[in-house]
């Protein structure tokens, strides 16, 4: 067994005993283990959501479309058109 497996096993035993220490009474060791588990679960959830929801459903389609837009040479035209529409909207709002 290598050292990383040993450290993982020792940590697992310590955290299990820390959680079971709540059966005796509420103590700081239990609170530390509880906060550790909640933080670990929240971090795991965020990483899983990032890789399964954010990247495939938002980031990759967005960057693919923007890259295709720049490759086609229409990015400057669309940017200029968008800025012109914003200027016209601001002028109409101020009554100019």
PDB file of N, CA and C in Angstrom:
ATOM      1  N   UNK A   1       0.845  -1.174   0.000  1.00  0.00           N
ATOM      2  CA  UNK A   1       0.000   0.000   0.000  1.00  0.00           C
ATOM      3  C   UNK A   1       0.897   1.247   0.000  1.00  0.00           C
ATOM      4  N   UNK A   2       0.563   2.219  -0.840  1.00  0.00           N
ATOM      5  CA  UNK A   2       1.372   3.428  -0.868  1.00  0.00           C
ATOM      6  C   UNK A   2       0.903   4.404   0.216  1.00  0.00           C
ATOM      7  N   UNK A   3       1.658   5.476   0.377  1.00  0.00           N
ATOM      8  CA  UNK A   3       1.406   6.411   1.492  1.00  0.00           C
ATOM      9  C   UNK A   3       0.103   7.181   1.311  1.00  0.00           C
ATOM     10  N   UNK A   4      -0.324   7.462   0.084  1.00  0.00           N
ATOM     11  CA  UNK A   4      -1.565   8.219  -0.112  1.00  0.00           C
ATOM     12  C   UNK A   4      -2.775   7.411   0.330  1.00  0.00           C
ATOM     13  N   UNK A   5      -2.728   6.113   0.091  1.00  0.00           N
ATOM     14  CA  UNK A   5      -3.816   5.241   0.531  1.00  0.00           C
ATOM     15  C   UNK A   5      -3.854   5.173   2.059  1.00  0.00           C
ATOM     16  N   UNK A   6      -2.688   5.117   2.679  1.00  0.00           N
ATOM     17  CA  UNK A   6      -2.607   5.078   4.137  1.00  0.00           C
ATOM     18  C   UNK A   6      -3.146   6.369   4.747  1.00  0.00           C
ATOM     19  N   UNK A   7      -2.761   7.508   4.188  1.00  0.00           N
ATOM     20  CA  UNK A   7      -3.246   8.793   4.701  1.00  0.00           C
ATOM     21  C   UNK A   7      -4.757   8.892   4.525  1.00  0.00           C
ATOM     22  N   UNK A   8      -5.262   8.438   3.391  1.00  0.00           N
ATOM     23  CA  UNK A   8      -6.709   8.453   3.156  1.00  0.00           C
ATOM     24  C   UNK A   8      -7.457   7.579   4.138  1.00  0.00           C
ATOM     25  N   UNK A   9      -6.917   6.405   4.428  1.00  0.00           N
ATOM     26  CA  UNK A   9      -7.566   5.507   5.389  1.00  0.00           C
ATOM     27  C   UNK A   9      -7.556   6.084   6.795  1.00  0.00           C
ATOM     28  N   UNK A  10      -6.430   6.672   7.192  1.00  0.00           N
ATOM     29  CA  UNK A  10      -6.336   7.280   8.524  1.00  0.00           C
ATOM     30  C   UNK A  10      -7.318   8.439   8.643  1.00  0.00           C
ATOM     31  N   UNK A  11      -7.419   9.257   7.605  1.00  0.00           N
ATOM     32  CA  UNK A  11      -8.355  10.375   7.604  1.00  0.00           C
ATOM     33  C   UNK A  11      -9.796   9.880   7.666  1.00  0.00           C
ATOM     34  N   UNK A  12     -10.099   8.816   6.939  1.00  0.00           N
ATOM     35  CA  UNK A  12     -11.454   8.260   6.963  1.00  0.00           C
ATOM     36  C   UNK A  12     -11.806   7.731   8.350  1.00  0.00           C
ATOM     37  N   UNK A  13     -10.871   7.058   8.986  1.00  0.00           N
ATOM     38  CA  UNK A  13     -11.117   6.538  10.344  1.00  0.00           C
ATOM     39  C   UNK A  13     -11.327   7.687  11.313  1.00  0.00           C
ATOM     40  N   UNK A  14     -10.479   8.726  11.237  1.00  0.00           N
ATOM     41  CA  UNK A  14     -10.612   9.874  12.139  1.00  0.00           C
ATOM     42  C   UNK A  14     -11.958  10.572  11.945  1.00  0.00           C
ATOM     43  N   UNK A  15     -12.352  10.801  10.693  1.00  0.00           N
ATOM     44  CA  UNK A  15     -13.622  11.488  10.454  1.00  0.00           C
ATOM     45  C   UNK A  15     -14.814  10.637  10.880  1.00  0.00           C
ATOM     46  N   UNK A  16     -14.739   9.339  10.688  1.00  0.00           N
ATOM     47  CA  UNK A  16     -15.821   8.462  11.139  1.00  0.00           C
ATOM     48  C   UNK A  16     -15.951   8.509  12.653  1.00  0.00           C
ATOM     49  N   UNK A  17     -14.833   8.430  13.364  1.00  0.00           N
ATOM     50  CA  UNK A  17     -14.882   8.513  14.833  1.00  0.00           C
ATOM     51  C   UNK A  17     -15.344   9.889  15.294  1.00  0.00           C
ATOM     52  N   UNK A  18     -14.958  10.937  14.553  1.00  0.00           N
ATOM     53  CA  UNK A  18     -15.390  12.292  14.911  1.00  0.00           C
ATOM     54  C   UNK A  18     -16.900  12.430  14.768  1.00  0.00           C
ATOM     55  N   UNK A  19     -17.472  11.850  13.734  1.00  0.00           N
ATOM     56  CA  UNK A  19     -18.926  11.912  13.560  1.00  0.00           C
ATOM     57  C   UNK A  19     -19.622  11.079  14.638  1.00  0.00           C
ATOM     58  N   UNK A  20     -19.075   9.914  14.943  1.00  0.00           N
ATOM     59  CA  UNK A  20     -19.671   9.092  15.999  1.00  0.00           C
ATOM     60  C   UNK A  20     -19.515   9.716  17.380  1.00  0.00           C
ATOM     61  N   UNK A  21     -18.591  10.662  17.549  1.00  0.00           N
ATOM     62  CA  UNK A  21     -18.433  11.303  18.855  1.00  0.00           C
ATOM     63  C   UNK A  21     -19.652  12.128  19.233  1.00  0.00           C
ATOM     64  N   UNK A  22     -20.527  12.421  18.272  1.00  0.00           N
ATOM     65  CA  UNK A  22     -21.763  13.141  18.580  1.00  0.00           C
ATOM     66  C   UNK A  22     -22.672  12.306  19.482  1.00  0.00           C
ATOM     67  N   UNK A  23     -22.529  10.974  19.436  1.00  0.00           N
ATOM     68  CA  UNK A  23     -23.340  10.119  20.302  1.00  0.00           C
ATOM     69  C   UNK A  23     -23.030  10.367  21.772  1.00  0.00           C
ATOM     70  N   UNK A  24     -21.804  10.779  22.062  1.00  0.00           N
ATOM     71  CA  UNK A  24     -21.436  11.087  23.439  1.00  0.00           C
ATOM     72  C   UNK A  24     -22.035  12.432  23.826  1.00  0.00           C
ATOM     73  N   UNK A  25     -21.725  13.471  23.064  1.00  0.00           N
ATOM     74  CA  UNK A  25     -22.328  14.799  23.192  1.00  0.00           C
ATOM     75  C   UNK A  25     -21.758  15.689  22.092  1.00  0.00           C
ATOM     76  N   UNK A  26     -22.377  16.844  21.916  1.00  0.00           N
ATOM     77  CA  UNK A  26     -21.923  17.804  20.907  1.00  0.00           C
ATOM     78  C   UNK A  26     -20.569  18.363  21.335  1.00  0.00           C
ATOM     79  N   UNK A  27     -19.566  18.271  20.452  1.00  0.00           N
ATOM     80  CA  UNK A  27     -18.223  18.716  20.809  1.00  0.00           C
ATOM     81  C   UNK A  27     -17.539  19.356  19.605  1.00  0.00           C
ATOM     82  N   UNK A  28     -16.416  20.040  19.824  1.00  0.00           N
ATOM     83  CA  UNK A  28     -15.734  20.725  18.718  1.00  0.00           C
ATOM     84  C   UNK A  28     -15.196  19.783  17.638  1.00  0.00           C
ATOM     85  N   UNK A  29     -14.820  18.578  18.022  1.00  0.00           N
ATOM     86  CA  UNK A  29     -14.321  17.623  17.024  1.00  0.00           C
ATOM     87  C   UNK A  29     -15.444  17.245  16.067  1.00  0.00           C
ATOM     88  N   UNK A  30     -16.650  17.025  16.610  1.00  0.00           N
ATOM     89  CA  UNK A  30     -17.804  16.724  15.760  1.00  0.00           C
ATOM     90  C   UNK A  30     -18.119  17.904  14.851  1.00  0.00           C
ATOM     91  N   UNK A  31     -18.103  19.107  15.398  1.00  0.00           N
ATOM     92  CA  UNK A  31     -18.403  20.306  14.601  1.00  0.00           C
ATOM     93  C   UNK A  31     -17.410  20.460  13.452  1.00  0.00           C
ATOM     94  N   UNK A  32     -16.135  20.208  13.710  1.00  0.00           N
ATOM     95  CA  UNK A  32     -15.116  20.311  12.664  1.00  0.00           C
ATOM     96  C   UNK A  32     -15.371  19.290  11.561  1.00  0.00           C
ATOM     97  N   UNK A  33     -15.655  18.054  11.949  1.00  0.00           N
ATOM     98  CA  UNK A  33     -15.928  17.012  10.954  1.00  0.00           C
ATOM     99  C   UNK A  33     -17.199  17.320  10.174  1.00  0.00           C
ATOM    100  N   UNK A  34     -18.203  17.843  10.852  1.00  0.00           N
ATOM    101  CA  UNK A  34     -19.452  18.206  10.183  1.00  0.00           C
ATOM    102  C   UNK A  34     -19.222  19.302   9.141  1.00  0.00           C
ATOM    103  N   UNK A  35     -18.478  20.339   9.524  1.00  0.00           N
ATOM    104  CA  UNK A  35     -18.174  21.412   8.579  1.00  0.00           C
ATOM    105  C   UNK A  35     -17.339  20.902   7.407  1.00  0.00           C
ATOM    106  N   UNK A  36     -16.434  20.006   7.681  1.00  0.00           N
ATOM    107  CA  UNK A  36     -15.611  19.417   6.622  1.00  0.00           C
ATOM    108  C   UNK A  36     -16.474  18.662   5.616  1.00  0.00           C
ATOM    109  N   UNK A  37     -17.390  17.821   6.112  1.00  0.00           N
ATOM    110  CA  UNK A  37     -18.252  17.042   5.225  1.00  0.00           C
ATOM    111  C   UNK A  37     -19.188  17.945   4.416  1.00  0.00           C
ATOM    112  N   UNK A  38     -19.754  18.964   5.046  1.00  0.00           N
ATOM    113  CA  UNK A  38     -20.654  19.876   4.330  1.00  0.00           C
ATOM    114  C   UNK A  38     -19.881  20.646   3.261  1.00  0.00           C
ATOM    115  N   UNK A  39     -18.696  21.124   3.592  1.00  0.00           N
ATOM    116  CA  UNK A  39     -17.883  21.839   2.606  1.00  0.00           C
ATOM    117  C   UNK A  39     -17.457  20.946   1.462  1.00  0.00           C
ATOM    118  N   UNK A  40     -17.090  19.725   1.771  1.00  0.00           N
ATOM    119  CA  UNK A  40     -16.697  18.774   0.743  1.00  0.00           C
ATOM    120  C   UNK A  40     -17.867  18.449  -0.180  1.00  0.00           C
ATOM    121  N   UNK A  41     -19.039  18.261   0.385  1.00  0.00           N
ATOM    122  CA  UNK A  41     -20.222  17.961  -0.428  1.00  0.00           C
ATOM    123  C   UNK A  41     -20.597  19.152  -1.306  1.00  0.00           C
ATOM    124  N   UNK A  42     -20.529  20.358  -0.768  1.00  0.00           N
ATOM    125  CA  UNK A  42     -20.853  21.555  -1.556  1.00  0.00           C
ATOM    126  C   UNK A  42     -19.845  21.737  -2.690  1.00  0.00           C
ATOM    127  N   UNK A  43     -18.582  21.554  -2.404  1.00  0.00           N
ATOM    128  CA  UNK A  43     -17.562  21.669  -3.447  1.00  0.00           C
ATOM    129  C   UNK A  43     -17.730  20.621  -4.526  1.00  0.00           C
ATOM    130  N   UNK A  44     -18.038  19.403  -4.133  1.00  0.00           N
ATOM    131  CA  UNK A  44     -18.257  18.324  -5.099  1.00  0.00           C
ATOM    132  C   UNK A  44     -19.443  18.646  -5.998  1.00  0.00           C
ATOM    133  N   UNK A  45     -20.526  19.140  -5.398  1.00  0.00           N
ATOM    134  CA  UNK A  45     -21.728  19.498  -6.153  1.00  0.00           C
ATOM    135  C   UNK A  45     -21.421  20.603  -7.162  1.00  0.00           C
ATOM    136  N   UNK A  46     -20.668  21.616  -6.764  1.00  0.00           N
ATOM    137  CA  UNK A  46     -20.339  22.723  -7.661  1.00  0.00           C
ATOM    138  C   UNK A  46     -19.489  22.236  -8.831  1.00  0.00           C
ATOM    139  N   UNK A  47     -18.507  21.400  -8.559  1.00  0.00           N
ATOM    140  CA  UNK A  47     -17.642  20.890  -9.632  1.00  0.00           C
ATOM    141  C   UNK A  47     -18.441  20.018 -10.599  1.00  0.00           C
ATOM    142  N   UNK A  48     -19.309  19.157 -10.091  1.00  0.00           N
ATOM    143  CA  UNK A  48     -20.122  18.297 -10.954  1.00  0.00           C
ATOM    144  C   UNK A  48     -21.060  19.147 -11.809  1.00  0.00           C
ATOM    145  N   UNK A  49     -21.706  20.148 -11.215  1.00  0.00           N
ATOM    146  CA  UNK A  49     -22.596  21.015 -11.980  1.00  0.00           C
ATOM    147  C   UNK A  49     -21.842  21.804 -13.041  1.00  0.00           C
ATOM    148  N   UNK A  50     -20.645  22.240 -12.734  1.00  0.00           N
ATOM    149  CA  UNK A  50     -19.834  22.981 -13.688  1.00  0.00           C
ATOM    150  C   UNK A  50     -19.520  22.127 -14.914  1.00  0.00           C
ATOM    151  N   UNK A  51     -19.137  20.877 -14.669  1.00  0.00           N
ATOM    152  CA  UNK A  51     -18.729  20.014 -15.780  1.00  0.00           C
ATOM    153  C   UNK A  51     -19.905  19.394 -16.531  1.00  0.00           C
ATOM    154  N   UNK A  52     -21.050  19.203 -15.891  1.00  0.00           N
ATOM    155  CA  UNK A  52     -22.173  18.548 -16.565  1.00  0.00           C
ATOM    156  C   UNK A  52     -23.242  19.519 -17.041  1.00  0.00           C
ATOM    157  N   UNK A  53     -23.304  20.732 -16.493  1.00  0.00           N
ATOM    158  CA  UNK A  53     -24.347  21.679 -16.880  1.00  0.00           C
ATOM    159  C   UNK A  53     -23.757  22.910 -17.552  1.00  0.00           C
ATOM    160  N   UNK A  54     -22.871  23.598 -16.864  1.00  0.00           N
ATOM    161  CA  UNK A  54     -22.360  24.879 -17.347  1.00  0.00           C
ATOM    162  C   UNK A  54     -21.544  24.736 -18.634  1.00  0.00           C
ATOM    163  N   UNK A  55     -20.556  23.854 -18.631  1.00  0.00           N
ATOM    164  CA  UNK A  55     -19.700  23.718 -19.812  1.00  0.00           C
ATOM    165  C   UNK A  55     -20.457  23.240 -21.054  1.00  0.00           C
ATOM    166  N   UNK A  56     -21.176  22.120 -21.005  1.00  0.00           N
ATOM    167  CA  UNK A  56     -21.798  21.657 -22.253  1.00  0.00           C
ATOM    168  C   UNK A  56     -23.007  22.476 -22.694  1.00  0.00           C
ATOM    169  N   UNK A  57     -23.744  23.072 -21.760  1.00  0.00           N
ATOM    170  CA  UNK A  57     -24.978  23.757 -22.136  1.00  0.00           C
ATOM    171  C   UNK A  57     -24.831  25.256 -22.345  1.00  0.00           C
ATOM    172  N   UNK A  58     -23.789  25.871 -21.798  1.00  0.00           N
ATOM    173  CA  UNK A  58     -23.642  27.314 -21.940  1.00  0.00           C
ATOM    174  C   UNK A  58     -22.313  27.706 -22.553  1.00  0.00           C
ATOM    175  N   UNK A  59     -21.239  27.276 -21.960  1.00  0.00           N
ATOM    176  CA  UNK A  59     -19.923  27.759 -22.383  1.00  0.00           C
ATOM    177  C   UNK A  59     -19.535  27.268 -23.777  1.00  0.00           C
ATOM    178  N   UNK A  60     -19.644  25.986 -24.026  1.00  0.00           N
ATOM    179  CA  UNK A  60     -19.216  25.453 -25.321  1.00  0.00           C
ATOM    180  C   UNK A  60     -20.084  25.963 -26.480  1.00  0.00           C
ATOM    181  N   UNK A  61     -21.421  25.997 -26.367  1.00  0.00           N
ATOM    182  CA  UNK A  61     -22.194  26.574 -27.470  1.00  0.00           C
ATOM    183  C   UNK A  61     -21.908  28.059 -27.676  1.00  0.00           C
ATOM    184  N   UNK A  62     -21.722  28.797 -26.588  1.00  0.00           N
ATOM    185  CA  UNK A  62     -21.461  30.220 -26.704  1.00  0.00           C
ATOM    186  C   UNK A  62     -20.123  30.478 -27.371  1.00  0.00           C
ATOM    187  N   UNK A  63     -19.093  29.793 -26.941  1.00  0.00           N
ATOM    188  CA  UNK A  63     -17.768  30.031 -27.524  1.00  0.00           C
ATOM    189  C   UNK A  63     -17.695  29.486 -28.942  1.00  0.00           C
ATOM    190  N   UNK A  64     -18.417  28.411 -29.224  1.00  0.00           N
ATOM    191  CA  UNK A  64     -18.421  27.880 -30.587  1.00  0.00           C
ATOM    192  C   UNK A  64     -19.076  28.884 -31.538  1.00  0.00           C
ATOM    193  N   UNK A  65     -20.202  29.485 -31.132  1.00  0.00           N
ATOM    194  CA  UNK A  65     -20.889  30.452 -31.981  1.00  0.00           C
ATOM    195  C   UNK A  65     -20.073  31.723 -32.167  1.00  0.00           C
ATOM    196  N   UNK A  66     -19.422  32.187 -31.125  1.00  0.00           N
ATOM    197  CA  UNK A  66     -18.598  33.392 -31.232  1.00  0.00           C
ATOM    198  C   UNK A  66     -17.396  33.132 -32.124  1.00  0.00           C
ATOM    199  N   UNK A  67     -16.777  31.967 -31.979  1.00  0.00           N
ATOM    200  CA  UNK A  67     -15.629  31.635 -32.822  1.00  0.00           C
ATOM    201  C   UNK A  67     -16.052  31.532 -34.288  1.00  0.00           C
ATOM    202  N   UNK A  68     -17.210  30.945 -34.547  1.00  0.00           N
ATOM    203  CA  UNK A  68     -17.709  30.851 -35.922  1.00  0.00           C
ATOM    204  C   UNK A  68     -18.018  32.233 -36.472  1.00  0.00           C
ATOM    205  N   UNK A  69     -18.527  33.110 -35.637  1.00  0.00           N
ATOM    206  CA  UNK A  69     -18.839  34.479 -36.056  1.00  0.00           C
ATOM    207  C   UNK A  69     -17.568  35.223 -36.454  1.00  0.00           C
ATOM    208  N   UNK A  70     -16.520  35.068 -35.663  1.00  0.00           N
ATOM    209  CA  UNK A  70     -15.264  35.744 -35.985  1.00  0.00           C
ATOM    210  C   UNK A  70     -14.605  35.134 -37.223  1.00  0.00           C
ATOM    211  N   UNK A  71     -14.750  33.837 -37.412  1.00  0.00           N
ATOM    212  CA  UNK A  71     -14.170  33.208 -38.596  1.00  0.00           C
ATOM    213  C   UNK A  71     -14.880  33.661 -39.869  1.00  0.00           C
ATOM    214  N   UNK A  72     -16.171  33.946 -39.775  1.00  0.00           N
ATOM    215  CA  UNK A  72     -16.915  34.336 -40.969  1.00  0.00           C
ATOM    216  C   UNK A  72     -16.689  35.800 -41.332  1.00  0.00           C
ATOM    217  N   UNK A  73     -16.112  36.607 -40.448  1.00  0.00           N
ATOM    218  CA  UNK A  73     -15.825  38.000 -40.742  1.00  0.00           C
ATOM    219  C   UNK A  73     -16.994  38.931 -40.494  1.00  0.00           C
ATOM    220  N   UNK A  74     -18.064  38.427 -39.895  1.00  0.00           N
ATOM    221  CA  UNK A  74     -19.242  39.249 -39.660  1.00  0.00           C
ATOM    222  C   UNK A  74     -19.257  39.892 -38.276  1.00  0.00           C
ATOM    223  N   UNK A  75     -18.270  39.609 -37.463  1.00  0.00           N
ATOM    224  CA  UNK A  75     -18.271  40.111 -36.091  1.00  0.00           C
ATOM    225  C   UNK A  75     -18.217  41.628 -36.063  1.00  0.00           C
ATOM    226  N   UNK A  76     -17.361  42.244 -36.876  1.00  0.00           N
ATOM    227  CA  UNK A  76     -17.236  43.702 -36.876  1.00  0.00           C
ATOM    228  C   UNK A  76     -18.520  44.347 -37.354  1.00  0.00           C
ATOM    229  N   UNK A  77     -19.160  43.776 -38.355  1.00  0.00           N
ATOM    230  CA  UNK A  77     -20.401  44.338 -38.862  1.00  0.00           C
ATOM    231  C   UNK A  77     -21.510  44.250 -37.817  1.00  0.00           C
ATOM    232  N   UNK A  78     -21.601  43.124 -37.133  1.00  0.00           N
ATOM    233  CA  UNK A  78     -22.645  42.976 -36.127  1.00  0.00           C
ATOM    234  C   UNK A  78     -22.376  43.855 -34.914  1.00  0.00           C
ATOM    235  N   UNK A  79     -21.121  44.023 -34.552  1.00  0.00           N
ATOM    236  CA  UNK A  79     -20.775  44.905 -33.439  1.00  0.00           C
ATOM    237  C   UNK A  79     -21.118  46.344 -33.783  1.00  0.00           C
ATOM    238  N   UNK A  80     -20.786  46.778 -34.994  1.00  0.00           N
ATOM    239  CA  UNK A  80     -21.101  48.144 -35.409  1.00  0.00           C
ATOM    240  C   UNK A  80     -22.611  48.354 -35.459  1.00  0.00           C
ATOM    241  N   UNK A  81     -23.332  47.390 -35.950  1.00  0.00           N
ATOM    242  CA  UNK A  81     -24.790  47.496 -35.993  1.00  0.00           C
ATOM    243  C   UNK A  81     -25.396  47.566 -34.600  1.00  0.00           C
ATOM    244  N   UNK A  82     -24.887  46.777 -33.680  1.00  0.00           N
ATOM    245  CA  UNK A  82     -25.388  46.796 -32.304  1.00  0.00           C
ATOM    246  C   UNK A  82     -25.117  48.133 -31.635  1.00  0.00           C
ATOM    247  N   UNK A  83     -23.922  48.669 -31.832  1.00  0.00           N
ATOM    248  CA  UNK A  83     -23.590  49.974 -31.252  1.00  0.00           C
ATOM    249  C   UNK A  83     -24.459  51.075 -31.852  1.00  0.00           C
ATOM    250  N   UNK A  84     -24.725  51.006 -33.150  1.00  0.00           N
ATOM    251  CA  UNK A  84     -25.583  52.007 -33.781  1.00  0.00           C
ATOM    252  C   UNK A  84     -26.996  51.940 -33.217  1.00  0.00           C
ATOM    253  N   UNK A  85     -27.516  50.744 -33.012  1.00  0.00           N
ATOM    254  CA  UNK A  85     -28.856  50.606 -32.433  1.00  0.00           C
ATOM    255  C   UNK A  85     -28.905  51.132 -31.003  1.00  0.00           C
ATOM    256  N   UNK A  86     -27.854  50.909 -30.233  1.00  0.00           N
ATOM    257  CA  UNK A  86     -27.815  51.429 -28.856  1.00  0.00           C
ATOM    258  C   UNK A  86     -27.783  52.952 -28.859  1.00  0.00           C
ATOM    259  N   UNK A  87     -27.034  53.538 -29.786  1.00  0.00           N
ATOM    260  CA  UNK A  87     -26.979  54.999 -29.885  1.00  0.00           C
ATOM    261  C   UNK A  87     -28.335  55.571 -30.287  1.00  0.00           C
ATOM    262  N   UNK A  88     -29.010  54.927 -31.237  1.00  0.00           N
ATOM    263  CA  UNK A  88     -30.329  55.390 -31.639  1.00  0.00           C
ATOM    264  C   UNK A  88     -31.342  55.272 -30.486  1.00  0.00           C
ATOM    265  N   UNK A  89     -31.245  54.216 -29.749  1.00  0.00           N
ATOM    266  CA  UNK A  89     -32.145  54.036 -28.586  1.00  0.00           C
ATOM    267  C   UNK A  89     -31.901  55.096 -27.532  1.00  0.00           C
ATOM    268  N   UNK A  90     -30.635  55.429 -27.272  1.00  0.00           N
ATOM    269  CA  UNK A  90     -30.320  56.459 -26.280  1.00  0.00           C
ATOM    270  C   UNK A  90     -30.780  57.829 -26.774  1.00  0.00           C
ATOM    271  N   UNK A  91     -30.613  58.108 -28.066  1.00  0.00           N
ATOM    272  CA  UNK A  91     -31.042  59.387 -28.602  1.00  0.00           C
ATOM    273  C   UNK A  91     -32.559  59.516 -28.559  1.00  0.00           C
ATOM    274  N   UNK A  92     -33.274  58.440 -28.864  1.00  0.00           N
ATOM    275  CA  UNK A  92     -34.730  58.469 -28.818  1.00  0.00           C
ATOM    276  C   UNK A  92     -35.245  58.628 -27.397  1.00  0.00           C
ATOM    277  N   UNK A  93     -34.526  58.073 -26.448  1.00  0.00           N
ATOM    278  CA  UNK A  93     -34.937  58.177 -25.046  1.00  0.00           C
ATOM    279  C   UNK A  93     -34.787  59.603 -24.537  1.00  0.00           C
ATOM    280  N   UNK A  94     -33.793  60.338 -25.030  1.00  0.00           N
ATOM    281  CA  UNK A  94     -33.543  61.716 -24.595  1.00  0.00           C
ATOM    282  C   UNK A  94     -34.266  62.709 -25.478  1.00  0.00           C
ATOM    283  N   UNK A  95     -35.009  62.260 -26.458  1.00  0.00           N
ATOM    284  CA  UNK A  95     -35.781  63.145 -27.311  1.00  0.00           C
ATOM    285  C   UNK A  95     -34.944  63.895 -28.320  1.00  0.00           C
ATOM    286  N   UNK A  96     -33.817  63.365 -28.705  1.00  0.00           N
ATOM    287  CA  UNK A  96     -32.975  64.057 -29.693  1.00  0.00           C
ATOM    288  C   UNK A  96     -33.315  63.659 -31.104  1.00  0.00           C
TER     289      UNK A  96
END
